[in-house]
Amino acid sequence: MPFQHILAAVDESVPPNAVLKKSVVLARKCHASLTILKVKRTHNFNLNLLFHRDKSKVMPDDRRKPILAYPDKQYPIRIKECLSHSIHNAIVNECSQLDYDLIIVSHKFYPPFFSEFLIADEWQLLRLPNIPVMFVDLEDWHENGHVLTALELDNENMAHLEFNETLIEESKRIATLLSNDLHLINSYLPDPFYMSFNQQPQEPVSEREKYKARLTTVARQHNLNTRNLHIEEGLPEDTISNEARRLNVNMLVMGSAERKGMLSAFKGNAARNIINKLRTDLFIVKPRHPH
């Protein structure tokens, strides 16, 4: 089901161009209503703004056709203004008044030490239940590009398996809207405690082969191209970011945690680190029925 009510929030900390342009693209493709929320901060000092730093300018790729859209009378835009001490609080208040099924905000970047000790204002939107959040940057989306979805395959309880189904469904929807193909990635850490005491041990199935088999099964269940699967050994914050850069993806799709509002595939500060280091748009999917 396409998005029906999109909320795009902007404030004075970064130029609104990326949020405005990409929210219009999605609203037109989905025939959705679009509300632009302009947040004016009630005080000048903000710790997030103190540490915020702009991303270095990305050189355009002339070989790929950008996806562009502009407002017109057929798709009117509602513009609201509000006073708030944070963009997070402004969005929470707006969502309590109207039902939205997508939130779009600017993808900001902070010094590496920031995520170790602090939580950026917009990162708190990960804790907002049910409504997915999209972090967007200035680089245009391109047709015939790639959407990369990060899956966690170690957790086999029913709730998590159902959430993986939701994650893939949402990823397919985004890929279709952008005329992109869909790639899946799973990262894993080798088991340091594996030890065999047999005199003549059989050749064990490698960790990579085990996860590749699982990911291949998932891809076939959803009629996805099995050539677009990626199995990487290492920390998710490193492997997923590196693969997203290598593929030059339009968007990375990740799941929010089913229980605590952080990302399900990543624990602790790794969630914040991957958001802060990844130089691409992110679509954070929430469980449909929190548990």
C-alpha atoms as a PDB file:
ATOM      1  CA  MET A   1       0.000   0.000   0.000  1.00  0.00           C
ATOM      2  CA  PRO A   2       1.545   3.374  -0.989  1.00  0.00           C
ATOM      3  CA  PHE A   3       2.102   6.188   1.461  1.00  0.00           C
ATOM      4  CA  GLN A   4      -1.002   8.306   1.982  1.00  0.00           C
ATOM      5  CA  HIS A   5      -0.028  11.070   4.415  1.00  0.00           C
ATOM      6  CA  ILE A   6       3.577  12.321   4.384  1.00  0.00           C
ATOM      7  CA  LEU A   7       5.037  14.732   6.936  1.00  0.00           C
ATOM      8  CA  ALA A   8       8.245  16.544   5.947  1.00  0.00           C
ATOM      9  CA  ALA A   9       9.841  18.542   8.765  1.00  0.00           C
ATOM     10  CA  VAL A  10      12.487  21.243   8.353  1.00  0.00           C
ATOM     11  CA  ASP A  11      14.193  23.658  10.698  1.00  0.00           C
ATOM     12  CA  GLU A  12      16.784  26.407  10.458  1.00  0.00           C
ATOM     13  CA  SER A  13      19.831  24.217  11.096  1.00  0.00           C
ATOM     14  CA  VAL A  14      20.264  23.016   7.494  1.00  0.00           C
ATOM     15  CA  PRO A  15      18.875  24.111   4.101  1.00  0.00           C
ATOM     16  CA  PRO A  16      15.488  22.472   3.447  1.00  0.00           C
ATOM     17  CA  ASN A  17      16.137  21.694  -0.242  1.00  0.00           C
ATOM     18  CA  ALA A  18      16.642  17.937   0.083  1.00  0.00           C
ATOM     19  CA  VAL A  19      13.626  17.369   2.318  1.00  0.00           C
ATOM     20  CA  LEU A  20      11.323  19.494   0.171  1.00  0.00           C
ATOM     21  CA  LYS A  21      12.401  18.027  -3.156  1.00  0.00           C
ATOM     22  CA  LYS A  22      12.312  14.375  -2.122  1.00  0.00           C
ATOM     23  CA  SER A  23       9.069  14.648  -0.188  1.00  0.00           C
ATOM     24  CA  VAL A  24       7.436  16.052  -3.323  1.00  0.00           C
ATOM     25  CA  VAL A  25       8.842  13.173  -5.382  1.00  0.00           C
ATOM     26  CA  LEU A  26       7.324  10.586  -3.046  1.00  0.00           C
ATOM     27  CA  ALA A  27       4.031  12.435  -2.628  1.00  0.00           C
ATOM     28  CA  ARG A  28       3.507  12.625  -6.395  1.00  0.00           C
ATOM     29  CA  LYS A  29       4.468   9.011  -7.006  1.00  0.00           C
ATOM     30  CA  CYS A  30       2.145   7.812  -4.227  1.00  0.00           C
ATOM     31  CA  HIS A  31      -0.629  10.375  -4.836  1.00  0.00           C
ATOM     32  CA  ALA A  32      -0.222  11.187  -1.149  1.00  0.00           C
ATOM     33  CA  SER A  33      -1.027  14.290   0.846  1.00  0.00           C
ATOM     34  CA  LEU A  34       2.060  16.250   1.868  1.00  0.00           C
ATOM     35  CA  THR A  35       2.480  18.478   4.908  1.00  0.00           C
ATOM     36  CA  ILE A  36       5.581  20.641   5.320  1.00  0.00           C
ATOM     37  CA  LEU A  37       6.245  21.440   8.972  1.00  0.00           C
ATOM     38  CA  LYS A  38       8.531  24.461   9.440  1.00  0.00           C
ATOM     39  CA  VAL A  39       9.968  24.367  12.942  1.00  0.00           C
ATOM     40  CA  LYS A  40      11.273  27.564  14.486  1.00  0.00           C
ATOM     41  CA  ARG A  41      13.293  26.898  17.613  1.00  0.00           C
ATOM     42  CA  THR A  42      12.238  28.698  20.758  1.00  0.00           C
ATOM     43  CA  HIS A  43      15.826  29.259  21.876  1.00  0.00           C
ATOM     44  CA  ASN A  44      19.080  29.789  20.047  1.00  0.00           C
ATOM     45  CA  PHE A  45      21.330  27.400  21.954  1.00  0.00           C
ATOM     46  CA  ASN A  46      21.066  23.763  21.012  1.00  0.00           C
ATOM     47  CA  LEU A  47      23.742  21.171  21.718  1.00  0.00           C
ATOM     48  CA  ASN A  48      22.950  19.280  18.510  1.00  0.00           C
ATOM     49  CA  LEU A  49      23.423  22.392  16.400  1.00  0.00           C
ATOM     50  CA  LEU A  50      26.700  23.140  18.164  1.00  0.00           C
ATOM     51  CA  PHE A  51      28.210  19.851  16.997  1.00  0.00           C
ATOM     52  CA  HIS A  52      26.372  19.513  13.688  1.00  0.00           C
ATOM     53  CA  ARG A  53      28.586  19.638  10.613  1.00  0.00           C
ATOM     54  CA  ASP A  54      27.534  19.644   6.978  1.00  0.00           C
ATOM     55  CA  LYS A  55      28.460  16.772   4.726  1.00  0.00           C
ATOM     56  CA  SER A  56      31.084  17.460   2.101  1.00  0.00           C
ATOM     57  CA  LYS A  57      29.561  18.288  -1.270  1.00  0.00           C
ATOM     58  CA  VAL A  58      28.848  15.290  -3.480  1.00  0.00           C
ATOM     59  CA  MET A  59      29.804  15.577  -7.127  1.00  0.00           C
ATOM     60  CA  PRO A  60      26.842  14.778  -9.396  1.00  0.00           C
ATOM     61  CA  ASP A  61      26.939  11.669 -11.535  1.00  0.00           C
ATOM     62  CA  ASP A  62      25.980  12.778 -15.061  1.00  0.00           C
ATOM     63  CA  ARG A  63      25.667   9.176 -16.231  1.00  0.00           C
ATOM     64  CA  ARG A  64      22.507   8.578 -14.208  1.00  0.00           C
ATOM     65  CA  LYS A  65      19.143  10.264 -14.705  1.00  0.00           C
ATOM     66  CA  PRO A  66      17.967  12.081 -11.562  1.00  0.00           C
ATOM     67  CA  ILE A  67      14.409  11.644 -10.323  1.00  0.00           C
ATOM     68  CA  LEU A  68      12.896  15.112 -10.143  1.00  0.00           C
ATOM     69  CA  ALA A  69       9.447  16.439  -9.288  1.00  0.00           C
ATOM     70  CA  TYR A  70       7.956  19.838  -8.625  1.00  0.00           C
ATOM     71  CA  PRO A  71       4.782  20.972  -6.865  1.00  0.00           C
ATOM     72  CA  ASP A  72       1.674  21.526  -8.973  1.00  0.00           C
ATOM     73  CA  LYS A  73      -2.043  22.185  -8.450  1.00  0.00           C
ATOM     74  CA  GLN A  74      -2.880  18.487  -8.681  1.00  0.00           C
ATOM     75  CA  TYR A  75      -0.824  17.743  -5.569  1.00  0.00           C
ATOM     76  CA  PRO A  76      -1.316  20.651  -3.138  1.00  0.00           C
ATOM     77  CA  ILE A  77       1.066  21.031  -0.241  1.00  0.00           C
ATOM     78  CA  ARG A  78      -0.018  22.040   3.238  1.00  0.00           C
ATOM     79  CA  ILE A  79       2.498  24.242   5.030  1.00  0.00           C
ATOM     80  CA  LYS A  80       2.485  24.570   8.797  1.00  0.00           C
ATOM     81  CA  GLU A  81       4.712  26.543  11.153  1.00  0.00           C
ATOM     82  CA  CYS A  82       5.319  25.934  14.823  1.00  0.00           C
ATOM     83  CA  LEU A  83       7.536  26.961  17.710  1.00  0.00           C
ATOM     84  CA  SER A  84       9.424  24.213  19.518  1.00  0.00           C
ATOM     85  CA  HIS A  85      12.720  23.666  21.310  1.00  0.00           C
ATOM     86  CA  SER A  86      13.426  20.633  19.078  1.00  0.00           C
ATOM     87  CA  ILE A  87      12.351  19.190  15.749  1.00  0.00           C
ATOM     88  CA  HIS A  88      11.642  15.885  17.495  1.00  0.00           C
ATOM     89  CA  ASN A  89       9.093  17.431  19.870  1.00  0.00           C
ATOM     90  CA  ALA A  90       7.503  19.372  17.027  1.00  0.00           C
ATOM     91  CA  ILE A  91       7.025  16.175  14.996  1.00  0.00           C
ATOM     92  CA  VAL A  92       5.647  14.228  17.965  1.00  0.00           C
ATOM     93  CA  ASN A  93       3.116  16.991  18.604  1.00  0.00           C
ATOM     94  CA  GLU A  94       2.085  17.114  14.932  1.00  0.00           C
ATOM     95  CA  CYS A  95       1.687  13.330  14.749  1.00  0.00           C
ATOM     96  CA  SER A  96      -0.590  13.425  17.799  1.00  0.00           C
ATOM     97  CA  GLN A  97      -2.966  15.682  15.859  1.00  0.00           C
ATOM     98  CA  LEU A  98      -3.006  13.949  12.448  1.00  0.00           C
ATOM     99  CA  ASP A  99      -2.248  10.467  11.189  1.00  0.00           C
ATOM    100  CA  TYR A 100       0.921  10.253   9.102  1.00  0.00           C
ATOM    101  CA  ASP A 101       2.476   7.139   7.604  1.00  0.00           C
ATOM    102  CA  LEU A 102       5.905   8.612   6.735  1.00  0.00           C
ATOM    103  CA  ILE A 103       8.176  11.228   8.307  1.00  0.00           C
ATOM    104  CA  ILE A 104      10.950  12.831   6.238  1.00  0.00           C
ATOM    105  CA  VAL A 105      13.769  14.841   7.852  1.00  0.00           C
ATOM    106  CA  SER A 106      17.210  16.025   6.861  1.00  0.00           C
ATOM    107  CA  HIS A 107      20.137  13.619   7.277  1.00  0.00           C
ATOM    108  CA  LYS A 108      22.606  15.514   9.466  1.00  0.00           C
ATOM    109  CA  PHE A 109      26.124  14.498  10.422  1.00  0.00           C
ATOM    110  CA  TYR A 110      28.072  14.959  13.633  1.00  0.00           C
ATOM    111  CA  PRO A 111      31.661  14.384  14.840  1.00  0.00           C
ATOM    112  CA  PRO A 112      32.393  10.705  15.605  1.00  0.00           C
ATOM    113  CA  PHE A 113      32.577  11.249  19.368  1.00  0.00           C
ATOM    114  CA  PHE A 114      29.064  12.727  19.382  1.00  0.00           C
ATOM    115  CA  SER A 115      27.252   9.382  19.073  1.00  0.00           C
ATOM    116  CA  GLU A 116      29.292   7.927  21.918  1.00  0.00           C
ATOM    117  CA  PHE A 117      27.917  10.363  24.464  1.00  0.00           C
ATOM    118  CA  LEU A 118      24.892  12.158  23.010  1.00  0.00           C
ATOM    119  CA  ILE A 119      21.757  11.464  21.002  1.00  0.00           C
ATOM    120  CA  ALA A 120      20.966  13.844  18.158  1.00  0.00           C
ATOM    121  CA  ASP A 121      17.556  15.445  18.202  1.00  0.00           C
ATOM    122  CA  GLU A 122      16.355  13.759  14.994  1.00  0.00           C
ATOM    123  CA  TRP A 123      17.676  10.323  16.100  1.00  0.00           C
ATOM    124  CA  GLN A 124      15.018  10.310  18.808  1.00  0.00           C
ATOM    125  CA  LEU A 125      12.454   9.827  16.036  1.00  0.00           C
ATOM    126  CA  LEU A 126      13.593   6.190  15.978  1.00  0.00           C
ATOM    127  CA  ARG A 127      11.697   5.776  19.237  1.00  0.00           C
ATOM    128  CA  LEU A 128       8.461   7.087  17.767  1.00  0.00           C
ATOM    129  CA  PRO A 129       6.310   3.942  17.366  1.00  0.00           C
ATOM    130  CA  ASN A 130       4.741   2.754  14.126  1.00  0.00           C
ATOM    131  CA  ILE A 131       5.684   5.640  11.799  1.00  0.00           C
ATOM    132  CA  PRO A 132       8.705   5.012   9.537  1.00  0.00           C
ATOM    133  CA  VAL A 133      11.325   7.746   9.231  1.00  0.00           C
ATOM    134  CA  MET A 134      13.338   8.735   6.180  1.00  0.00           C
ATOM    135  CA  PHE A 135      16.622  10.666   6.555  1.00  0.00           C
ATOM    136  CA  VAL A 136      17.451  12.410   3.260  1.00  0.00           C
ATOM    137  CA  ASP A 137      20.487  14.217   1.941  1.00  0.00           C
ATOM    138  CA  LEU A 138      21.109  16.615  -0.961  1.00  0.00           C
ATOM    139  CA  GLU A 139      22.181  14.094  -3.593  1.00  0.00           C
ATOM    140  CA  ASP A 140      19.419  13.305  -6.080  1.00  0.00           C
ATOM    141  CA  TRP A 141      17.784   9.918  -6.336  1.00  0.00           C
ATOM    142  CA  HIS A 142      18.492   8.239  -9.667  1.00  0.00           C
ATOM    143  CA  GLU A 143      16.519   5.841 -11.786  1.00  0.00           C
ATOM    144  CA  ASN A 144      17.985   2.383 -12.382  1.00  0.00           C
ATOM    145  CA  GLY A 145      19.889   2.666  -9.112  1.00  0.00           C
ATOM    146  CA  HIS A 146      19.973   0.448  -6.034  1.00  0.00           C
ATOM    147  CA  VAL A 147      18.121   0.117  -2.743  1.00  0.00           C
ATOM    148  CA  LEU A 148      19.991  -1.880  -0.093  1.00  0.00           C
ATOM    149  CA  THR A 149      18.142  -3.551   2.788  1.00  0.00           C
ATOM    150  CA  ALA A 150      19.922  -4.762   5.923  1.00  0.00           C
ATOM    151  CA  LEU A 151      18.440  -7.919   7.457  1.00  0.00           C
ATOM    152  CA  GLU A 152      19.176  -9.649  10.745  1.00  0.00           C
ATOM    153  CA  LEU A 153      19.008 -13.429  10.261  1.00  0.00           C
ATOM    154  CA  ASP A 154      20.185 -14.689  13.667  1.00  0.00           C
ATOM    155  CA  ASN A 155      16.933 -13.978  15.457  1.00  0.00           C
ATOM    156  CA  GLU A 156      14.442 -16.729  14.606  1.00  0.00           C
ATOM    157  CA  ASN A 157      11.518 -15.929  16.922  1.00  0.00           C
ATOM    158  CA  MET A 158       8.194 -15.489  15.145  1.00  0.00           C
ATOM    159  CA  ALA A 159       7.833 -11.777  15.882  1.00  0.00           C
ATOM    160  CA  HIS A 160      11.202 -10.995  14.362  1.00  0.00           C
ATOM    161  CA  LEU A 161      10.532 -13.151  11.291  1.00  0.00           C
ATOM    162  CA  GLU A 162       7.280 -11.282  10.745  1.00  0.00           C
ATOM    163  CA  PHE A 163       9.138  -8.001  11.087  1.00  0.00           C
ATOM    164  CA  ASN A 164      11.639  -9.123   8.437  1.00  0.00           C
ATOM    165  CA  GLU A 165       8.657  -9.744   6.151  1.00  0.00           C
ATOM    166  CA  THR A 166       7.472  -6.182   6.775  1.00  0.00           C
ATOM    167  CA  LEU A 167      10.972  -4.854   6.161  1.00  0.00           C
ATOM    168  CA  ILE A 168      11.220  -6.560   2.771  1.00  0.00           C
ATOM    169  CA  GLU A 169       7.715  -5.478   1.752  1.00  0.00           C
ATOM    170  CA  GLU A 170       8.547  -1.847   2.531  1.00  0.00           C
ATOM    171  CA  SER A 171      11.877  -2.150   0.718  1.00  0.00           C
ATOM    172  CA  LYS A 172      10.188  -3.495  -2.405  1.00  0.00           C
ATOM    173  CA  ARG A 173       7.754  -0.596  -2.285  1.00  0.00           C
ATOM    174  CA  ILE A 174      10.557   1.990  -2.121  1.00  0.00           C
ATOM    175  CA  ALA A 175      12.521   0.243  -4.874  1.00  0.00           C
ATOM    176  CA  THR A 176       9.457   0.222  -7.115  1.00  0.00           C
ATOM    177  CA  LEU A 177       8.713   3.903  -6.479  1.00  0.00           C
ATOM    178  CA  LEU A 178      12.285   4.855  -7.388  1.00  0.00           C
ATOM    179  CA  SER A 179      12.531   2.383 -10.325  1.00  0.00           C
ATOM    180  CA  ASN A 180      15.484   0.770  -8.537  1.00  0.00           C
ATOM    181  CA  ASP A 181      16.547  -2.821  -7.995  1.00  0.00           C
ATOM    182  CA  LEU A 182      16.628  -4.268  -4.482  1.00  0.00           C
ATOM    183  CA  HIS A 183      19.705  -5.727  -2.797  1.00  0.00           C
ATOM    184  CA  LEU A 184      19.806  -7.544   0.553  1.00  0.00           C
ATOM    185  CA  ILE A 185      22.720  -7.574   2.972  1.00  0.00           C
ATOM    186  CA  ASN A 186      23.441  -9.515   6.139  1.00  0.00           C
ATOM    187  CA  SER A 187      26.518  -8.988   8.278  1.00  0.00           C
ATOM    188  CA  TYR A 188      27.767 -11.497  10.821  1.00  0.00           C
ATOM    189  CA  LEU A 189      30.487 -11.944  13.398  1.00  0.00           C
ATOM    190  CA  PRO A 190      32.430 -15.225  13.448  1.00  0.00           C
ATOM    191  CA  ASP A 191      31.921 -17.435  16.490  1.00  0.00           C
ATOM    192  CA  PRO A 192      35.148 -17.104  18.509  1.00  0.00           C
ATOM    193  CA  PHE A 193      34.193 -20.026  20.731  1.00  0.00           C
ATOM    194  CA  TYR A 194      33.964 -22.651  18.015  1.00  0.00           C
ATOM    195  CA  MET A 195      36.268 -25.547  18.769  1.00  0.00           C
ATOM    196  CA  SER A 196      36.259 -29.149  17.596  1.00  0.00           C
ATOM    197  CA  PHE A 197      37.613 -31.955  19.741  1.00  0.00           C
ATOM    198  CA  ASN A 198      37.189 -34.674  17.122  1.00  0.00           C
ATOM    199  CA  GLN A 199      40.291 -36.396  15.870  1.00  0.00           C
ATOM    200  CA  GLN A 200      39.075 -36.237  12.284  1.00  0.00           C
ATOM    201  CA  PRO A 201      36.478 -33.483  12.144  1.00  0.00           C
ATOM    202  CA  GLN A 202      34.222 -33.191   9.146  1.00  0.00           C
ATOM    203  CA  GLU A 203      34.587 -30.065   7.082  1.00  0.00           C
ATOM    204  CA  PRO A 204      32.174 -27.640   8.756  1.00  0.00           C
ATOM    205  CA  VAL A 205      29.895 -25.348   6.789  1.00  0.00           C
ATOM    206  CA  SER A 206      31.478 -21.920   6.843  1.00  0.00           C
ATOM    207  CA  GLU A 207      29.731 -19.025   8.533  1.00  0.00           C
ATOM    208  CA  ARG A 208      29.483 -17.225   5.189  1.00  0.00           C
ATOM    209  CA  GLU A 209      27.868 -20.230   3.495  1.00  0.00           C
ATOM    210  CA  LYS A 210      25.383 -20.611   6.346  1.00  0.00           C
ATOM    211  CA  TYR A 211      24.224 -17.008   6.136  1.00  0.00           C
ATOM    212  CA  LYS A 212      24.261 -17.028   2.349  1.00  0.00           C
ATOM    213  CA  ALA A 213      21.907 -20.030   2.362  1.00  0.00           C
ATOM    214  CA  ARG A 214      19.540 -18.250   4.748  1.00  0.00           C
ATOM    215  CA  LEU A 215      19.566 -15.038   2.728  1.00  0.00           C
ATOM    216  CA  THR A 216      19.066 -16.944  -0.525  1.00  0.00           C
ATOM    217  CA  THR A 217      16.008 -18.651   0.936  1.00  0.00           C
ATOM    218  CA  VAL A 218      14.554 -15.287   1.955  1.00  0.00           C
ATOM    219  CA  ALA A 219      15.238 -13.816  -1.505  1.00  0.00           C
ATOM    220  CA  ARG A 220      13.537 -16.715  -3.297  1.00  0.00           C
ATOM    221  CA  GLN A 221      10.501 -16.497  -1.023  1.00  0.00           C
ATOM    222  CA  HIS A 222      10.058 -12.880  -2.171  1.00  0.00           C
ATOM    223  CA  ASN A 223      10.986 -13.441  -5.840  1.00  0.00           C
ATOM    224  CA  LEU A 224      14.131 -11.323  -5.539  1.00  0.00           C
ATOM    225  CA  ASN A 225      17.252 -11.633  -7.669  1.00  0.00           C
ATOM    226  CA  THR A 226      19.665 -13.937  -5.835  1.00  0.00           C
ATOM    227  CA  ARG A 227      22.581 -12.192  -7.527  1.00  0.00           C
ATOM    228  CA  ASN A 228      21.792  -9.092  -5.460  1.00  0.00           C
ATOM    229  CA  LEU A 229      22.704 -10.686  -2.124  1.00  0.00           C
ATOM    230  CA  HIS A 230      25.607  -9.577   0.049  1.00  0.00           C
ATOM    231  CA  ILE A 231      27.105 -11.460   3.004  1.00  0.00           C
ATOM    232  CA  GLU A 232      29.776  -9.567   4.908  1.00  0.00           C
ATOM    233  CA  GLU A 233      31.838 -10.517   7.958  1.00  0.00           C
ATOM    234  CA  GLY A 234      32.346  -7.783  10.511  1.00  0.00           C
ATOM    235  CA  LEU A 235      30.524  -5.150  12.537  1.00  0.00           C
ATOM    236  CA  PRO A 236      27.287  -3.983  10.899  1.00  0.00           C
ATOM    237  CA  GLU A 237      28.216  -0.328  11.230  1.00  0.00           C
ATOM    238  CA  ASP A 238      31.311  -0.990   9.081  1.00  0.00           C
ATOM    239  CA  THR A 239      30.201  -3.672   6.634  1.00  0.00           C
ATOM    240  CA  ILE A 240      26.822  -2.191   5.762  1.00  0.00           C
ATOM    241  CA  SER A 241      28.213   1.321   5.361  1.00  0.00           C
ATOM    242  CA  ASN A 242      31.043   0.046   3.149  1.00  0.00           C
ATOM    243  CA  GLU A 243      28.702  -1.973   0.937  1.00  0.00           C
ATOM    244  CA  ALA A 244      26.280   0.938   0.598  1.00  0.00           C
ATOM    245  CA  ARG A 245      29.143   3.134  -0.559  1.00  0.00           C
ATOM    246  CA  ARG A 246      30.470   0.497  -2.948  1.00  0.00           C
ATOM    247  CA  LEU A 247      27.066   0.094  -4.584  1.00  0.00           C
ATOM    248  CA  ASN A 248      26.418   3.857  -4.481  1.00  0.00           C
ATOM    249  CA  VAL A 249      22.880   3.111  -3.349  1.00  0.00           C
ATOM    250  CA  ASN A 250      20.012   5.589  -3.484  1.00  0.00           C
ATOM    251  CA  MET A 251      18.802   4.397  -0.114  1.00  0.00           C
ATOM    252  CA  LEU A 252      19.594   2.030   2.729  1.00  0.00           C
ATOM    253  CA  VAL A 253      16.596   0.412   4.421  1.00  0.00           C
ATOM    254  CA  MET A 254      16.928  -0.760   8.023  1.00  0.00           C
ATOM    255  CA  GLY A 255      14.562  -1.982  10.693  1.00  0.00           C
ATOM    256  CA  SER A 256      13.937  -0.291  13.989  1.00  0.00           C
ATOM    257  CA  ALA A 257      14.089  -2.469  17.087  1.00  0.00           C
ATOM    258  CA  GLU A 258      10.947  -4.306  17.993  1.00  0.00           C
ATOM    259  CA  ARG A 259      11.424  -3.617  21.688  1.00  0.00           C
ATOM    260  CA  LYS A 260      13.507  -0.567  22.546  1.00  0.00           C
ATOM    261  CA  GLY A 261      13.224   1.748  19.561  1.00  0.00           C
ATOM    262  CA  MET A 262      16.786   1.433  18.325  1.00  0.00           C
ATOM    263  CA  LEU A 263      17.731  -0.518  15.220  1.00  0.00           C
ATOM    264  CA  SER A 264      17.048  -4.221  15.476  1.00  0.00           C
ATOM    265  CA  ALA A 265      20.142  -5.369  13.620  1.00  0.00           C
ATOM    266  CA  PHE A 266      22.507  -3.190  15.627  1.00  0.00           C
ATOM    267  CA  LYS A 267      23.083  -2.900  19.347  1.00  0.00           C
ATOM    268  CA  GLY A 268      24.061   0.060  21.502  1.00  0.00           C
ATOM    269  CA  ASN A 269      26.017   2.872  19.907  1.00  0.00           C
ATOM    270  CA  ALA A 270      26.412   0.944  16.637  1.00  0.00           C
ATOM    271  CA  ALA A 271      22.959   2.181  15.619  1.00  0.00           C
ATOM    272  CA  ARG A 272      23.931   5.805  16.029  1.00  0.00           C
ATOM    273  CA  ASN A 273      27.306   5.242  14.396  1.00  0.00           C
ATOM    274  CA  ILE A 274      25.877   3.801  11.200  1.00  0.00           C
ATOM    275  CA  ILE A 275      23.419   6.671  10.824  1.00  0.00           C
ATOM    276  CA  ASN A 276      26.185   9.190  11.410  1.00  0.00           C
ATOM    277  CA  LYS A 277      28.781   7.663   9.067  1.00  0.00           C
ATOM    278  CA  LEU A 278      26.600   6.528   6.167  1.00  0.00           C
ATOM    279  CA  ARG A 279      26.635   8.958   3.253  1.00  0.00           C
ATOM    280  CA  THR A 280      23.296   8.040   1.724  1.00  0.00           C
ATOM    281  CA  ASP A 281      19.592   8.319   2.455  1.00  0.00           C
ATOM    282  CA  LEU A 282      18.123   6.000   5.086  1.00  0.00           C
ATOM    283  CA  PHE A 283      14.634   4.592   5.432  1.00  0.00           C
ATOM    284  CA  ILE A 284      13.950   3.299   8.944  1.00  0.00           C
ATOM    285  CA  VAL A 285      11.021   0.868   9.080  1.00  0.00           C
ATOM    286  CA  LYS A 286       9.057   0.335  12.290  1.00  0.00           C
ATOM    287  CA  PRO A 287       7.188  -2.796  13.425  1.00  0.00           C
ATOM    288  CA  ARG A 288       3.509  -2.604  12.557  1.00  0.00           C
ATOM    289  CA  HIS A 289       2.502  -3.959  15.943  1.00  0.00           C
ATOM    290  CA  PRO A 290       5.067  -3.051  18.656  1.00  0.00           C
ATOM    291  CA  HIS A 291       5.639  -5.789  21.220  1.00  0.00           C
END
